[in-house]
Amino acid sequence: MLRVFLRAEIIKLVLYGVFFILAYKFFSVAILPFLLGFMLAQAAFWLTPLIVNREP
């Protein structure tokens, strides 16, 4: 089960890399704000469970 999860995470990271390269190549994007926005979005997904209390 862990092996399948890790394989999926590797595929996800490879796809992120491919899409970042495609976006940079075919669209006029400033790379620093583009990467910072992505990192902030990822951090929000990771930190939300720590901030939001699930119990009533």
C-alpha atoms as a PDB file:
ATOM      1  CA  MET A   1       0.000   0.000   0.000  1.00  0.00           C
ATOM      2  CA  LEU A   2       2.808   2.409   0.856  1.00  0.00           C
ATOM      3  CA  ARG A   3       4.577   1.560  -2.389  1.00  0.00           C
ATOM      4  CA  VAL A   4       1.493   2.520  -4.417  1.00  0.00           C
ATOM      5  CA  PHE A   5       1.197   5.802  -2.509  1.00  0.00           C
ATOM      6  CA  LEU A   6       4.857   6.677  -3.075  1.00  0.00           C
ATOM      7  CA  ARG A   7       4.617   5.806  -6.763  1.00  0.00           C
ATOM      8  CA  ALA A   8       1.591   8.076  -7.106  1.00  0.00           C
ATOM      9  CA  GLU A   9       3.446  10.901  -5.342  1.00  0.00           C
ATOM     10  CA  ILE A  10       6.408  10.524  -7.707  1.00  0.00           C
ATOM     11  CA  ILE A  11       4.093  10.601 -10.720  1.00  0.00           C
ATOM     12  CA  LYS A  12       2.406  13.706  -9.305  1.00  0.00           C
ATOM     13  CA  LEU A  13       5.746  15.480  -8.859  1.00  0.00           C
ATOM     14  CA  VAL A  14       6.853  14.566 -12.384  1.00  0.00           C
ATOM     15  CA  LEU A  15       3.568  15.900 -13.786  1.00  0.00           C
ATOM     16  CA  TYR A  16       4.001  19.118 -11.787  1.00  0.00           C
ATOM     17  CA  GLY A  17       7.431  19.541 -13.316  1.00  0.00           C
ATOM     18  CA  VAL A  18       6.184  18.886 -16.842  1.00  0.00           C
ATOM     19  CA  PHE A  19       3.291  21.319 -16.464  1.00  0.00           C
ATOM     20  CA  PHE A  20       5.536  23.995 -14.947  1.00  0.00           C
ATOM     21  CA  ILE A  21       7.893  23.699 -17.914  1.00  0.00           C
ATOM     22  CA  LEU A  22       5.002  23.814 -20.384  1.00  0.00           C
ATOM     23  CA  ALA A  23       3.445  26.827 -18.679  1.00  0.00           C
ATOM     24  CA  TYR A  24       6.774  28.660 -18.638  1.00  0.00           C
ATOM     25  CA  LYS A  25       7.503  27.791 -22.250  1.00  0.00           C
ATOM     26  CA  PHE A  26       4.113  28.551 -23.823  1.00  0.00           C
ATOM     27  CA  PHE A  27       2.805  31.382 -21.612  1.00  0.00           C
ATOM     28  CA  SER A  28       4.487  34.558 -20.519  1.00  0.00           C
ATOM     29  CA  VAL A  29       4.705  33.983 -16.788  1.00  0.00           C
ATOM     30  CA  ALA A  30       7.069  35.470 -14.264  1.00  0.00           C
ATOM     31  CA  ILE A  31       8.660  32.389 -12.761  1.00  0.00           C
ATOM     32  CA  LEU A  32       9.152  33.656  -9.195  1.00  0.00           C
ATOM     33  CA  PRO A  33       5.534  34.708  -8.517  1.00  0.00           C
ATOM     34  CA  PHE A  34       4.368  31.574 -10.324  1.00  0.00           C
ATOM     35  CA  LEU A  35       6.417  29.289  -8.065  1.00  0.00           C
ATOM     36  CA  LEU A  36       5.619  31.270  -4.914  1.00  0.00           C
ATOM     37  CA  GLY A  37       1.899  31.040  -5.648  1.00  0.00           C
ATOM     38  CA  PHE A  38       2.206  27.303  -6.120  1.00  0.00           C
ATOM     39  CA  MET A  39       4.150  26.883  -2.881  1.00  0.00           C
ATOM     40  CA  LEU A  40       1.628  28.952  -0.932  1.00  0.00           C
ATOM     41  CA  ALA A  41      -1.248  26.895  -2.328  1.00  0.00           C
ATOM     42  CA  GLN A  42       0.496  23.664  -1.317  1.00  0.00           C
ATOM     43  CA  ALA A  43       1.258  25.026   2.154  1.00  0.00           C
ATOM     44  CA  ALA A  44      -2.402  25.935   2.589  1.00  0.00           C
ATOM     45  CA  PHE A  45      -3.417  22.321   1.904  1.00  0.00           C
ATOM     46  CA  TRP A  46      -0.830  21.029   4.386  1.00  0.00           C
ATOM     47  CA  LEU A  47      -1.522  23.537   7.171  1.00  0.00           C
ATOM     48  CA  THR A  48      -5.313  23.702   7.038  1.00  0.00           C
ATOM     49  CA  PRO A  49      -5.839  20.497   9.065  1.00  0.00           C
ATOM     50  CA  LEU A  50      -3.613  21.922  11.801  1.00  0.00           C
ATOM     51  CA  ILE A  51      -5.517  25.209  11.931  1.00  0.00           C
ATOM     52  CA  VAL A  52      -9.116  24.083  11.451  1.00  0.00           C
ATOM     53  CA  ASN A  53     -10.609  22.254  14.392  1.00  0.00           C
ATOM     54  CA  ARG A  54     -12.703  19.299  13.213  1.00  0.00           C
ATOM     55  CA  GLU A  55     -14.412  18.623  16.524  1.00  0.00           C
ATOM     56  CA  PRO A  56     -17.519  20.649  17.443  1.00  0.00           C
END
